[in-house]
Amino acid sequence: DGVDNTGVDNSRLYTQPEDIWDVYS
């Protein structure tokens, strides 16, 4: 849908547990 992440840095393809907890809380 026009959002192009083909060239994104590989590290951004992996979410960290702390980020998940921030969302959950």
PDBML (XML) file of the C-alpha atoms, coordinates in Angstrom:
<?xml version="1.0" encoding="UTF-8" ?>
<PDBx:datablock datablockName="MODEL"
   xmlns:PDBx="http://pdbml.pdb.org/schema/pdbx-v50.xsd"
   xmlns:xsi="http://www.w3.org/2001/XMLSchema-instance"
   xsi:schemaLocation="http://pdbml.pdb.org/schema/pdbx-v50.xsd pdbx-v50.xsd">
   <PDBx:atom_siteCategory>
      <PDBx:atom_site id="1">
         <PDBx:B_iso_or_equiv>0.00</PDBx:B_iso_or_equiv>
         <PDBx:Cartn_x>0.000</PDBx:Cartn_x>
         <PDBx:Cartn_y>0.000</PDBx:Cartn_y>
         <PDBx:Cartn_z>0.000</PDBx:Cartn_z>
         <PDBx:auth_asym_id>A</PDBx:auth_asym_id>
         <PDBx:auth_atom_id>CA</PDBx:auth_atom_id>
         <PDBx:auth_comp_id>ASP</PDBx:auth_comp_id>
         <PDBx:auth_seq_id>1</PDBx:auth_seq_id>
         <PDBx:group_PDB>ATOM</PDBx:group_PDB>
         <PDBx:label_alt_id xsi:nil="true" />
         <PDBx:label_asym_id>A</PDBx:label_asym_id>
         <PDBx:label_atom_id>CA</PDBx:label_atom_id>
         <PDBx:label_comp_id>ASP</PDBx:label_comp_id>
         <PDBx:label_entity_id>1</PDBx:label_entity_id>
         <PDBx:label_seq_id>1</PDBx:label_seq_id>
         <PDBx:occupancy>1.00</PDBx:occupancy>
         <PDBx:pdbx_PDB_model_num>1</PDBx:pdbx_PDB_model_num>
         <PDBx:type_symbol>C</PDBx:type_symbol>
      </PDBx:atom_site>
      <PDBx:atom_site id="2">
         <PDBx:B_iso_or_equiv>0.00</PDBx:B_iso_or_equiv>
         <PDBx:Cartn_x>2.723</PDBx:Cartn_x>
         <PDBx:Cartn_y>2.461</PDBx:Cartn_y>
         <PDBx:Cartn_z>-0.950</PDBx:Cartn_z>
         <PDBx:auth_asym_id>A</PDBx:auth_asym_id>
         <PDBx:auth_atom_id>CA</PDBx:auth_atom_id>
         <PDBx:auth_comp_id>GLY</PDBx:auth_comp_id>
         <PDBx:auth_seq_id>2</PDBx:auth_seq_id>
         <PDBx:group_PDB>ATOM</PDBx:group_PDB>
         <PDBx:label_alt_id xsi:nil="true" />
         <PDBx:label_asym_id>A</PDBx:label_asym_id>
         <PDBx:label_atom_id>CA</PDBx:label_atom_id>
         <PDBx:label_comp_id>GLY</PDBx:label_comp_id>
         <PDBx:label_entity_id>1</PDBx:label_entity_id>
         <PDBx:label_seq_id>2</PDBx:label_seq_id>
         <PDBx:occupancy>1.00</PDBx:occupancy>
         <PDBx:pdbx_PDB_model_num>1</PDBx:pdbx_PDB_model_num>
         <PDBx:type_symbol>C</PDBx:type_symbol>
      </PDBx:atom_site>
      <PDBx:atom_site id="3">
         <PDBx:B_iso_or_equiv>0.00</PDBx:B_iso_or_equiv>
         <PDBx:Cartn_x>4.723</PDBx:Cartn_x>
         <PDBx:Cartn_y>1.945</PDBx:Cartn_y>
         <PDBx:Cartn_z>2.258</PDBx:Cartn_z>
         <PDBx:auth_asym_id>A</PDBx:auth_asym_id>
         <PDBx:auth_atom_id>CA</PDBx:auth_atom_id>
         <PDBx:auth_comp_id>VAL</PDBx:auth_comp_id>
         <PDBx:auth_seq_id>3</PDBx:auth_seq_id>
         <PDBx:group_PDB>ATOM</PDBx:group_PDB>
         <PDBx:label_alt_id xsi:nil="true" />
         <PDBx:label_asym_id>A</PDBx:label_asym_id>
         <PDBx:label_atom_id>CA</PDBx:label_atom_id>
         <PDBx:label_comp_id>VAL</PDBx:label_comp_id>
         <PDBx:label_entity_id>1</PDBx:label_entity_id>
         <PDBx:label_seq_id>3</PDBx:label_seq_id>
         <PDBx:occupancy>1.00</PDBx:occupancy>
         <PDBx:pdbx_PDB_model_num>1</PDBx:pdbx_PDB_model_num>
         <PDBx:type_symbol>C</PDBx:type_symbol>
      </PDBx:atom_site>
      <PDBx:atom_site id="4">
         <PDBx:B_iso_or_equiv>0.00</PDBx:B_iso_or_equiv>
         <PDBx:Cartn_x>8.141</PDBx:Cartn_x>
         <PDBx:Cartn_y>0.795</PDBx:Cartn_y>
         <PDBx:Cartn_z>1.025</PDBx:Cartn_z>
         <PDBx:auth_asym_id>A</PDBx:auth_asym_id>
         <PDBx:auth_atom_id>CA</PDBx:auth_atom_id>
         <PDBx:auth_comp_id>ASP</PDBx:auth_comp_id>
         <PDBx:auth_seq_id>4</PDBx:auth_seq_id>
         <PDBx:group_PDB>ATOM</PDBx:group_PDB>
         <PDBx:label_alt_id xsi:nil="true" />
         <PDBx:label_asym_id>A</PDBx:label_asym_id>
         <PDBx:label_atom_id>CA</PDBx:label_atom_id>
         <PDBx:label_comp_id>ASP</PDBx:label_comp_id>
         <PDBx:label_entity_id>1</PDBx:label_entity_id>
         <PDBx:label_seq_id>4</PDBx:label_seq_id>
         <PDBx:occupancy>1.00</PDBx:occupancy>
         <PDBx:pdbx_PDB_model_num>1</PDBx:pdbx_PDB_model_num>
         <PDBx:type_symbol>C</PDBx:type_symbol>
      </PDBx:atom_site>
      <PDBx:atom_site id="5">
         <PDBx:B_iso_or_equiv>0.00</PDBx:B_iso_or_equiv>
         <PDBx:Cartn_x>10.453</PDBx:Cartn_x>
         <PDBx:Cartn_y>-0.792</PDBx:Cartn_y>
         <PDBx:Cartn_z>3.590</PDBx:Cartn_z>
         <PDBx:auth_asym_id>A</PDBx:auth_asym_id>
         <PDBx:auth_atom_id>CA</PDBx:auth_atom_id>
         <PDBx:auth_comp_id>ASN</PDBx:auth_comp_id>
         <PDBx:auth_seq_id>5</PDBx:auth_seq_id>
         <PDBx:group_PDB>ATOM</PDBx:group_PDB>
         <PDBx:label_alt_id xsi:nil="true" />
         <PDBx:label_asym_id>A</PDBx:label_asym_id>
         <PDBx:label_atom_id>CA</PDBx:label_atom_id>
         <PDBx:label_comp_id>ASN</PDBx:label_comp_id>
         <PDBx:label_entity_id>1</PDBx:label_entity_id>
         <PDBx:label_seq_id>5</PDBx:label_seq_id>
         <PDBx:occupancy>1.00</PDBx:occupancy>
         <PDBx:pdbx_PDB_model_num>1</PDBx:pdbx_PDB_model_num>
         <PDBx:type_symbol>C</PDBx:type_symbol>
      </PDBx:atom_site>
      <PDBx:atom_site id="6">
         <PDBx:B_iso_or_equiv>0.00</PDBx:B_iso_or_equiv>
         <PDBx:Cartn_x>12.579</PDBx:Cartn_x>
         <PDBx:Cartn_y>-2.745</PDBx:Cartn_y>
         <PDBx:Cartn_z>1.135</PDBx:Cartn_z>
         <PDBx:auth_asym_id>A</PDBx:auth_asym_id>
         <PDBx:auth_atom_id>CA</PDBx:auth_atom_id>
         <PDBx:auth_comp_id>THR</PDBx:auth_comp_id>
         <PDBx:auth_seq_id>6</PDBx:auth_seq_id>
         <PDBx:group_PDB>ATOM</PDBx:group_PDB>
         <PDBx:label_alt_id xsi:nil="true" />
         <PDBx:label_asym_id>A</PDBx:label_asym_id>
         <PDBx:label_atom_id>CA</PDBx:label_atom_id>
         <PDBx:label_comp_id>THR</PDBx:label_comp_id>
         <PDBx:label_entity_id>1</PDBx:label_entity_id>
         <PDBx:label_seq_id>6</PDBx:label_seq_id>
         <PDBx:occupancy>1.00</PDBx:occupancy>
         <PDBx:pdbx_PDB_model_num>1</PDBx:pdbx_PDB_model_num>
         <PDBx:type_symbol>C</PDBx:type_symbol>
      </PDBx:atom_site>
      <PDBx:atom_site id="7">
         <PDBx:B_iso_or_equiv>0.00</PDBx:B_iso_or_equiv>
         <PDBx:Cartn_x>15.744</PDBx:Cartn_x>
         <PDBx:Cartn_y>-0.835</PDBx:Cartn_y>
         <PDBx:Cartn_z>2.045</PDBx:Cartn_z>
         <PDBx:auth_asym_id>A</PDBx:auth_asym_id>
         <PDBx:auth_atom_id>CA</PDBx:auth_atom_id>
         <PDBx:auth_comp_id>GLY</PDBx:auth_comp_id>
         <PDBx:auth_seq_id>7</PDBx:auth_seq_id>
         <PDBx:group_PDB>ATOM</PDBx:group_PDB>
         <PDBx:label_alt_id xsi:nil="true" />
         <PDBx:label_asym_id>A</PDBx:label_asym_id>
         <PDBx:label_atom_id>CA</PDBx:label_atom_id>
         <PDBx:label_comp_id>GLY</PDBx:label_comp_id>
         <PDBx:label_entity_id>1</PDBx:label_entity_id>
         <PDBx:label_seq_id>7</PDBx:label_seq_id>
         <PDBx:occupancy>1.00</PDBx:occupancy>
         <PDBx:pdbx_PDB_model_num>1</PDBx:pdbx_PDB_model_num>
         <PDBx:type_symbol>C</PDBx:type_symbol>
      </PDBx:atom_site>
      <PDBx:atom_site id="8">
         <PDBx:B_iso_or_equiv>0.00</PDBx:B_iso_or_equiv>
         <PDBx:Cartn_x>15.238</PDBx:Cartn_x>
         <PDBx:Cartn_y>-0.603</PDBx:Cartn_y>
         <PDBx:Cartn_z>5.797</PDBx:Cartn_z>
         <PDBx:auth_asym_id>A</PDBx:auth_asym_id>
         <PDBx:auth_atom_id>CA</PDBx:auth_atom_id>
         <PDBx:auth_comp_id>VAL</PDBx:auth_comp_id>
         <PDBx:auth_seq_id>8</PDBx:auth_seq_id>
         <PDBx:group_PDB>ATOM</PDBx:group_PDB>
         <PDBx:label_alt_id xsi:nil="true" />
         <PDBx:label_asym_id>A</PDBx:label_asym_id>
         <PDBx:label_atom_id>CA</PDBx:label_atom_id>
         <PDBx:label_comp_id>VAL</PDBx:label_comp_id>
         <PDBx:label_entity_id>1</PDBx:label_entity_id>
         <PDBx:label_seq_id>8</PDBx:label_seq_id>
         <PDBx:occupancy>1.00</PDBx:occupancy>
         <PDBx:pdbx_PDB_model_num>1</PDBx:pdbx_PDB_model_num>
         <PDBx:type_symbol>C</PDBx:type_symbol>
      </PDBx:atom_site>
      <PDBx:atom_site id="9">
         <PDBx:B_iso_or_equiv>0.00</PDBx:B_iso_or_equiv>
         <PDBx:Cartn_x>18.131</PDBx:Cartn_x>
         <PDBx:Cartn_y>-1.434</PDBx:Cartn_y>
         <PDBx:Cartn_z>8.113</PDBx:Cartn_z>
         <PDBx:auth_asym_id>A</PDBx:auth_asym_id>
         <PDBx:auth_atom_id>CA</PDBx:auth_atom_id>
         <PDBx:auth_comp_id>ASP</PDBx:auth_comp_id>
         <PDBx:auth_seq_id>9</PDBx:auth_seq_id>
         <PDBx:group_PDB>ATOM</PDBx:group_PDB>
         <PDBx:label_alt_id xsi:nil="true" />
         <PDBx:label_asym_id>A</PDBx:label_asym_id>
         <PDBx:label_atom_id>CA</PDBx:label_atom_id>
         <PDBx:label_comp_id>ASP</PDBx:label_comp_id>
         <PDBx:label_entity_id>1</PDBx:label_entity_id>
         <PDBx:label_seq_id>9</PDBx:label_seq_id>
         <PDBx:occupancy>1.00</PDBx:occupancy>
         <PDBx:pdbx_PDB_model_num>1</PDBx:pdbx_PDB_model_num>
         <PDBx:type_symbol>C</PDBx:type_symbol>
      </PDBx:atom_site>
      <PDBx:atom_site id="10">
         <PDBx:B_iso_or_equiv>0.00</PDBx:B_iso_or_equiv>
         <PDBx:Cartn_x>17.943</PDBx:Cartn_x>
         <PDBx:Cartn_y>-5.090</PDBx:Cartn_y>
         <PDBx:Cartn_z>9.151</PDBx:Cartn_z>
         <PDBx:auth_asym_id>A</PDBx:auth_asym_id>
         <PDBx:auth_atom_id>CA</PDBx:auth_atom_id>
         <PDBx:auth_comp_id>ASN</PDBx:auth_comp_id>
         <PDBx:auth_seq_id>10</PDBx:auth_seq_id>
         <PDBx:group_PDB>ATOM</PDBx:group_PDB>
         <PDBx:label_alt_id xsi:nil="true" />
         <PDBx:label_asym_id>A</PDBx:label_asym_id>
         <PDBx:label_atom_id>CA</PDBx:label_atom_id>
         <PDBx:label_comp_id>ASN</PDBx:label_comp_id>
         <PDBx:label_entity_id>1</PDBx:label_entity_id>
         <PDBx:label_seq_id>10</PDBx:label_seq_id>
         <PDBx:occupancy>1.00</PDBx:occupancy>
         <PDBx:pdbx_PDB_model_num>1</PDBx:pdbx_PDB_model_num>
         <PDBx:type_symbol>C</PDBx:type_symbol>
      </PDBx:atom_site>
      <PDBx:atom_site id="11">
         <PDBx:B_iso_or_equiv>0.00</PDBx:B_iso_or_equiv>
         <PDBx:Cartn_x>18.029</PDBx:Cartn_x>
         <PDBx:Cartn_y>-4.269</PDBx:Cartn_y>
         <PDBx:Cartn_z>12.878</PDBx:Cartn_z>
         <PDBx:auth_asym_id>A</PDBx:auth_asym_id>
         <PDBx:auth_atom_id>CA</PDBx:auth_atom_id>
         <PDBx:auth_comp_id>SER</PDBx:auth_comp_id>
         <PDBx:auth_seq_id>11</PDBx:auth_seq_id>
         <PDBx:group_PDB>ATOM</PDBx:group_PDB>
         <PDBx:label_alt_id xsi:nil="true" />
         <PDBx:label_asym_id>A</PDBx:label_asym_id>
         <PDBx:label_atom_id>CA</PDBx:label_atom_id>
         <PDBx:label_comp_id>SER</PDBx:label_comp_id>
         <PDBx:label_entity_id>1</PDBx:label_entity_id>
         <PDBx:label_seq_id>11</PDBx:label_seq_id>
         <PDBx:occupancy>1.00</PDBx:occupancy>
         <PDBx:pdbx_PDB_model_num>1</PDBx:pdbx_PDB_model_num>
         <PDBx:type_symbol>C</PDBx:type_symbol>
      </PDBx:atom_site>
      <PDBx:atom_site id="12">
         <PDBx:B_iso_or_equiv>0.00</PDBx:B_iso_or_equiv>
         <PDBx:Cartn_x>14.671</PDBx:Cartn_x>
         <PDBx:Cartn_y>-2.502</PDBx:Cartn_y>
         <PDBx:Cartn_z>12.600</PDBx:Cartn_z>
         <PDBx:auth_asym_id>A</PDBx:auth_asym_id>
         <PDBx:auth_atom_id>CA</PDBx:auth_atom_id>
         <PDBx:auth_comp_id>ARG</PDBx:auth_comp_id>
         <PDBx:auth_seq_id>12</PDBx:auth_seq_id>
         <PDBx:group_PDB>ATOM</PDBx:group_PDB>
         <PDBx:label_alt_id xsi:nil="true" />
         <PDBx:label_asym_id>A</PDBx:label_asym_id>
         <PDBx:label_atom_id>CA</PDBx:label_atom_id>
         <PDBx:label_comp_id>ARG</PDBx:label_comp_id>
         <PDBx:label_entity_id>1</PDBx:label_entity_id>
         <PDBx:label_seq_id>12</PDBx:label_seq_id>
         <PDBx:occupancy>1.00</PDBx:occupancy>
         <PDBx:pdbx_PDB_model_num>1</PDBx:pdbx_PDB_model_num>
         <PDBx:type_symbol>C</PDBx:type_symbol>
      </PDBx:atom_site>
      <PDBx:atom_site id="13">
         <PDBx:B_iso_or_equiv>0.00</PDBx:B_iso_or_equiv>
         <PDBx:Cartn_x>13.022</PDBx:Cartn_x>
         <PDBx:Cartn_y>-5.801</PDBx:Cartn_y>
         <PDBx:Cartn_z>11.592</PDBx:Cartn_z>
         <PDBx:auth_asym_id>A</PDBx:auth_asym_id>
         <PDBx:auth_atom_id>CA</PDBx:auth_atom_id>
         <PDBx:auth_comp_id>LEU</PDBx:auth_comp_id>
         <PDBx:auth_seq_id>13</PDBx:auth_seq_id>
         <PDBx:group_PDB>ATOM</PDBx:group_PDB>
         <PDBx:label_alt_id xsi:nil="true" />
         <PDBx:label_asym_id>A</PDBx:label_asym_id>
         <PDBx:label_atom_id>CA</PDBx:label_atom_id>
         <PDBx:label_comp_id>LEU</PDBx:label_comp_id>
         <PDBx:label_entity_id>1</PDBx:label_entity_id>
         <PDBx:label_seq_id>13</PDBx:label_seq_id>
         <PDBx:occupancy>1.00</PDBx:occupancy>
         <PDBx:pdbx_PDB_model_num>1</PDBx:pdbx_PDB_model_num>
         <PDBx:type_symbol>C</PDBx:type_symbol>
      </PDBx:atom_site>
      <PDBx:atom_site id="14">
         <PDBx:B_iso_or_equiv>0.00</PDBx:B_iso_or_equiv>
         <PDBx:Cartn_x>13.334</PDBx:Cartn_x>
         <PDBx:Cartn_y>-7.117</PDBx:Cartn_y>
         <PDBx:Cartn_z>15.170</PDBx:Cartn_z>
         <PDBx:auth_asym_id>A</PDBx:auth_asym_id>
         <PDBx:auth_atom_id>CA</PDBx:auth_atom_id>
         <PDBx:auth_comp_id>TYR</PDBx:auth_comp_id>
         <PDBx:auth_seq_id>14</PDBx:auth_seq_id>
         <PDBx:group_PDB>ATOM</PDBx:group_PDB>
         <PDBx:label_alt_id xsi:nil="true" />
         <PDBx:label_asym_id>A</PDBx:label_asym_id>
         <PDBx:label_atom_id>CA</PDBx:label_atom_id>
         <PDBx:label_comp_id>TYR</PDBx:label_comp_id>
         <PDBx:label_entity_id>1</PDBx:label_entity_id>
         <PDBx:label_seq_id>14</PDBx:label_seq_id>
         <PDBx:occupancy>1.00</PDBx:occupancy>
         <PDBx:pdbx_PDB_model_num>1</PDBx:pdbx_PDB_model_num>
         <PDBx:type_symbol>C</PDBx:type_symbol>
      </PDBx:atom_site>
      <PDBx:atom_site id="15">
         <PDBx:B_iso_or_equiv>0.00</PDBx:B_iso_or_equiv>
         <PDBx:Cartn_x>11.256</PDBx:Cartn_x>
         <PDBx:Cartn_y>-5.652</PDBx:Cartn_y>
         <PDBx:Cartn_z>18.019</PDBx:Cartn_z>
         <PDBx:auth_asym_id>A</PDBx:auth_asym_id>
         <PDBx:auth_atom_id>CA</PDBx:auth_atom_id>
         <PDBx:auth_comp_id>THR</PDBx:auth_comp_id>
         <PDBx:auth_seq_id>15</PDBx:auth_seq_id>
         <PDBx:group_PDB>ATOM</PDBx:group_PDB>
         <PDBx:label_alt_id xsi:nil="true" />
         <PDBx:label_asym_id>A</PDBx:label_asym_id>
         <PDBx:label_atom_id>CA</PDBx:label_atom_id>
         <PDBx:label_comp_id>THR</PDBx:label_comp_id>
         <PDBx:label_entity_id>1</PDBx:label_entity_id>
         <PDBx:label_seq_id>15</PDBx:label_seq_id>
         <PDBx:occupancy>1.00</PDBx:occupancy>
         <PDBx:pdbx_PDB_model_num>1</PDBx:pdbx_PDB_model_num>
         <PDBx:type_symbol>C</PDBx:type_symbol>
      </PDBx:atom_site>
      <PDBx:atom_site id="16">
         <PDBx:B_iso_or_equiv>0.00</PDBx:B_iso_or_equiv>
         <PDBx:Cartn_x>12.681</PDBx:Cartn_x>
         <PDBx:Cartn_y>-5.497</PDBx:Cartn_y>
         <PDBx:Cartn_z>21.546</PDBx:Cartn_z>
         <PDBx:auth_asym_id>A</PDBx:auth_asym_id>
         <PDBx:auth_atom_id>CA</PDBx:auth_atom_id>
         <PDBx:auth_comp_id>GLN</PDBx:auth_comp_id>
         <PDBx:auth_seq_id>16</PDBx:auth_seq_id>
         <PDBx:group_PDB>ATOM</PDBx:group_PDB>
         <PDBx:label_alt_id xsi:nil="true" />
         <PDBx:label_asym_id>A</PDBx:label_asym_id>
         <PDBx:label_atom_id>CA</PDBx:label_atom_id>
         <PDBx:label_comp_id>GLN</PDBx:label_comp_id>
         <PDBx:label_entity_id>1</PDBx:label_entity_id>
         <PDBx:label_seq_id>16</PDBx:label_seq_id>
         <PDBx:occupancy>1.00</PDBx:occupancy>
         <PDBx:pdbx_PDB_model_num>1</PDBx:pdbx_PDB_model_num>
         <PDBx:type_symbol>C</PDBx:type_symbol>
      </PDBx:atom_site>
      <PDBx:atom_site id="17">
         <PDBx:B_iso_or_equiv>0.00</PDBx:B_iso_or_equiv>
         <PDBx:Cartn_x>10.813</PDBx:Cartn_x>
         <PDBx:Cartn_y>-6.851</PDBx:Cartn_y>
         <PDBx:Cartn_z>24.632</PDBx:Cartn_z>
         <PDBx:auth_asym_id>A</PDBx:auth_asym_id>
         <PDBx:auth_atom_id>CA</PDBx:auth_atom_id>
         <PDBx:auth_comp_id>PRO</PDBx:auth_comp_id>
         <PDBx:auth_seq_id>17</PDBx:auth_seq_id>
         <PDBx:group_PDB>ATOM</PDBx:group_PDB>
         <PDBx:label_alt_id xsi:nil="true" />
         <PDBx:label_asym_id>A</PDBx:label_asym_id>
         <PDBx:label_atom_id>CA</PDBx:label_atom_id>
         <PDBx:label_comp_id>PRO</PDBx:label_comp_id>
         <PDBx:label_entity_id>1</PDBx:label_entity_id>
         <PDBx:label_seq_id>17</PDBx:label_seq_id>
         <PDBx:occupancy>1.00</PDBx:occupancy>
         <PDBx:pdbx_PDB_model_num>1</PDBx:pdbx_PDB_model_num>
         <PDBx:type_symbol>C</PDBx:type_symbol>
      </PDBx:atom_site>
      <PDBx:atom_site id="18">
         <PDBx:B_iso_or_equiv>0.00</PDBx:B_iso_or_equiv>
         <PDBx:Cartn_x>10.925</PDBx:Cartn_x>
         <PDBx:Cartn_y>-3.437</PDBx:Cartn_y>
         <PDBx:Cartn_z>26.327</PDBx:Cartn_z>
         <PDBx:auth_asym_id>A</PDBx:auth_asym_id>
         <PDBx:auth_atom_id>CA</PDBx:auth_atom_id>
         <PDBx:auth_comp_id>GLU</PDBx:auth_comp_id>
         <PDBx:auth_seq_id>18</PDBx:auth_seq_id>
         <PDBx:group_PDB>ATOM</PDBx:group_PDB>
         <PDBx:label_alt_id xsi:nil="true" />
         <PDBx:label_asym_id>A</PDBx:label_asym_id>
         <PDBx:label_atom_id>CA</PDBx:label_atom_id>
         <PDBx:label_comp_id>GLU</PDBx:label_comp_id>
         <PDBx:label_entity_id>1</PDBx:label_entity_id>
         <PDBx:label_seq_id>18</PDBx:label_seq_id>
         <PDBx:occupancy>1.00</PDBx:occupancy>
         <PDBx:pdbx_PDB_model_num>1</PDBx:pdbx_PDB_model_num>
         <PDBx:type_symbol>C</PDBx:type_symbol>
      </PDBx:atom_site>
      <PDBx:atom_site id="19">
         <PDBx:B_iso_or_equiv>0.00</PDBx:B_iso_or_equiv>
         <PDBx:Cartn_x>9.050</PDBx:Cartn_x>
         <PDBx:Cartn_y>-1.906</PDBx:Cartn_y>
         <PDBx:Cartn_z>23.388</PDBx:Cartn_z>
         <PDBx:auth_asym_id>A</PDBx:auth_asym_id>
         <PDBx:auth_atom_id>CA</PDBx:auth_atom_id>
         <PDBx:auth_comp_id>ASP</PDBx:auth_comp_id>
         <PDBx:auth_seq_id>19</PDBx:auth_seq_id>
         <PDBx:group_PDB>ATOM</PDBx:group_PDB>
         <PDBx:label_alt_id xsi:nil="true" />
         <PDBx:label_asym_id>A</PDBx:label_asym_id>
         <PDBx:label_atom_id>CA</PDBx:label_atom_id>
         <PDBx:label_comp_id>ASP</PDBx:label_comp_id>
         <PDBx:label_entity_id>1</PDBx:label_entity_id>
         <PDBx:label_seq_id>19</PDBx:label_seq_id>
         <PDBx:occupancy>1.00</PDBx:occupancy>
         <PDBx:pdbx_PDB_model_num>1</PDBx:pdbx_PDB_model_num>
         <PDBx:type_symbol>C</PDBx:type_symbol>
      </PDBx:atom_site>
      <PDBx:atom_site id="20">
         <PDBx:B_iso_or_equiv>0.00</PDBx:B_iso_or_equiv>
         <PDBx:Cartn_x>6.373</PDBx:Cartn_x>
         <PDBx:Cartn_y>-4.593</PDBx:Cartn_y>
         <PDBx:Cartn_z>23.552</PDBx:Cartn_z>
         <PDBx:auth_asym_id>A</PDBx:auth_asym_id>
         <PDBx:auth_atom_id>CA</PDBx:auth_atom_id>
         <PDBx:auth_comp_id>ILE</PDBx:auth_comp_id>
         <PDBx:auth_seq_id>20</PDBx:auth_seq_id>
         <PDBx:group_PDB>ATOM</PDBx:group_PDB>
         <PDBx:label_alt_id xsi:nil="true" />
         <PDBx:label_asym_id>A</PDBx:label_asym_id>
         <PDBx:label_atom_id>CA</PDBx:label_atom_id>
         <PDBx:label_comp_id>ILE</PDBx:label_comp_id>
         <PDBx:label_entity_id>1</PDBx:label_entity_id>
         <PDBx:label_seq_id>20</PDBx:label_seq_id>
         <PDBx:occupancy>1.00</PDBx:occupancy>
         <PDBx:pdbx_PDB_model_num>1</PDBx:pdbx_PDB_model_num>
         <PDBx:type_symbol>C</PDBx:type_symbol>
      </PDBx:atom_site>
      <PDBx:atom_site id="21">
         <PDBx:B_iso_or_equiv>0.00</PDBx:B_iso_or_equiv>
         <PDBx:Cartn_x>5.906</PDBx:Cartn_x>
         <PDBx:Cartn_y>-3.971</PDBx:Cartn_y>
         <PDBx:Cartn_z>27.257</PDBx:Cartn_z>
         <PDBx:auth_asym_id>A</PDBx:auth_asym_id>
         <PDBx:auth_atom_id>CA</PDBx:auth_atom_id>
         <PDBx:auth_comp_id>TRP</PDBx:auth_comp_id>
         <PDBx:auth_seq_id>21</PDBx:auth_seq_id>
         <PDBx:group_PDB>ATOM</PDBx:group_PDB>
         <PDBx:label_alt_id xsi:nil="true" />
         <PDBx:label_asym_id>A</PDBx:label_asym_id>
         <PDBx:label_atom_id>CA</PDBx:label_atom_id>
         <PDBx:label_comp_id>TRP</PDBx:label_comp_id>
         <PDBx:label_entity_id>1</PDBx:label_entity_id>
         <PDBx:label_seq_id>21</PDBx:label_seq_id>
         <PDBx:occupancy>1.00</PDBx:occupancy>
         <PDBx:pdbx_PDB_model_num>1</PDBx:pdbx_PDB_model_num>
         <PDBx:type_symbol>C</PDBx:type_symbol>
      </PDBx:atom_site>
      <PDBx:atom_site id="22">
         <PDBx:B_iso_or_equiv>0.00</PDBx:B_iso_or_equiv>
         <PDBx:Cartn_x>5.525</PDBx:Cartn_x>
         <PDBx:Cartn_y>-0.213</PDBx:Cartn_y>
         <PDBx:Cartn_z>26.673</PDBx:Cartn_z>
         <PDBx:auth_asym_id>A</PDBx:auth_asym_id>
         <PDBx:auth_atom_id>CA</PDBx:auth_atom_id>
         <PDBx:auth_comp_id>ASP</PDBx:auth_comp_id>
         <PDBx:auth_seq_id>22</PDBx:auth_seq_id>
         <PDBx:group_PDB>ATOM</PDBx:group_PDB>
         <PDBx:label_alt_id xsi:nil="true" />
         <PDBx:label_asym_id>A</PDBx:label_asym_id>
         <PDBx:label_atom_id>CA</PDBx:label_atom_id>
         <PDBx:label_comp_id>ASP</PDBx:label_comp_id>
         <PDBx:label_entity_id>1</PDBx:label_entity_id>
         <PDBx:label_seq_id>22</PDBx:label_seq_id>
         <PDBx:occupancy>1.00</PDBx:occupancy>
         <PDBx:pdbx_PDB_model_num>1</PDBx:pdbx_PDB_model_num>
         <PDBx:type_symbol>C</PDBx:type_symbol>
      </PDBx:atom_site>
      <PDBx:atom_site id="23">
         <PDBx:B_iso_or_equiv>0.00</PDBx:B_iso_or_equiv>
         <PDBx:Cartn_x>2.691</PDBx:Cartn_x>
         <PDBx:Cartn_y>-0.977</PDBx:Cartn_y>
         <PDBx:Cartn_z>24.240</PDBx:Cartn_z>
         <PDBx:auth_asym_id>A</PDBx:auth_asym_id>
         <PDBx:auth_atom_id>CA</PDBx:auth_atom_id>
         <PDBx:auth_comp_id>VAL</PDBx:auth_comp_id>
         <PDBx:auth_seq_id>23</PDBx:auth_seq_id>
         <PDBx:group_PDB>ATOM</PDBx:group_PDB>
         <PDBx:label_alt_id xsi:nil="true" />
         <PDBx:label_asym_id>A</PDBx:label_asym_id>
         <PDBx:label_atom_id>CA</PDBx:label_atom_id>
         <PDBx:label_comp_id>VAL</PDBx:label_comp_id>
         <PDBx:label_entity_id>1</PDBx:label_entity_id>
         <PDBx:label_seq_id>23</PDBx:label_seq_id>
         <PDBx:occupancy>1.00</PDBx:occupancy>
         <PDBx:pdbx_PDB_model_num>1</PDBx:pdbx_PDB_model_num>
         <PDBx:type_symbol>C</PDBx:type_symbol>
      </PDBx:atom_site>
      <PDBx:atom_site id="24">
         <PDBx:B_iso_or_equiv>0.00</PDBx:B_iso_or_equiv>
         <PDBx:Cartn_x>1.050</PDBx:Cartn_x>
         <PDBx:Cartn_y>-3.494</PDBx:Cartn_y>
         <PDBx:Cartn_z>26.547</PDBx:Cartn_z>
         <PDBx:auth_asym_id>A</PDBx:auth_asym_id>
         <PDBx:auth_atom_id>CA</PDBx:auth_atom_id>
         <PDBx:auth_comp_id>TYR</PDBx:auth_comp_id>
         <PDBx:auth_seq_id>24</PDBx:auth_seq_id>
         <PDBx:group_PDB>ATOM</PDBx:group_PDB>
         <PDBx:label_alt_id xsi:nil="true" />
         <PDBx:label_asym_id>A</PDBx:label_asym_id>
         <PDBx:label_atom_id>CA</PDBx:label_atom_id>
         <PDBx:label_comp_id>TYR</PDBx:label_comp_id>
         <PDBx:label_entity_id>1</PDBx:label_entity_id>
         <PDBx:label_seq_id>24</PDBx:label_seq_id>
         <PDBx:occupancy>1.00</PDBx:occupancy>
         <PDBx:pdbx_PDB_model_num>1</PDBx:pdbx_PDB_model_num>
         <PDBx:type_symbol>C</PDBx:type_symbol>
      </PDBx:atom_site>
      <PDBx:atom_site id="25">
         <PDBx:B_iso_or_equiv>0.00</PDBx:B_iso_or_equiv>
         <PDBx:Cartn_x>1.193</PDBx:Cartn_x>
         <PDBx:Cartn_y>-1.263</PDBx:Cartn_y>
         <PDBx:Cartn_z>29.603</PDBx:Cartn_z>
         <PDBx:auth_asym_id>A</PDBx:auth_asym_id>
         <PDBx:auth_atom_id>CA</PDBx:auth_atom_id>
         <PDBx:auth_comp_id>SER</PDBx:auth_comp_id>
         <PDBx:auth_seq_id>25</PDBx:auth_seq_id>
         <PDBx:group_PDB>ATOM</PDBx:group_PDB>
         <PDBx:label_alt_id xsi:nil="true" />
         <PDBx:label_asym_id>A</PDBx:label_asym_id>
         <PDBx:label_atom_id>CA</PDBx:label_atom_id>
         <PDBx:label_comp_id>SER</PDBx:label_comp_id>
         <PDBx:label_entity_id>1</PDBx:label_entity_id>
         <PDBx:label_seq_id>25</PDBx:label_seq_id>
         <PDBx:occupancy>1.00</PDBx:occupancy>
         <PDBx:pdbx_PDB_model_num>1</PDBx:pdbx_PDB_model_num>
         <PDBx:type_symbol>C</PDBx:type_symbol>
      </PDBx:atom_site>
   </PDBx:atom_siteCategory>
</PDBx:datablock>
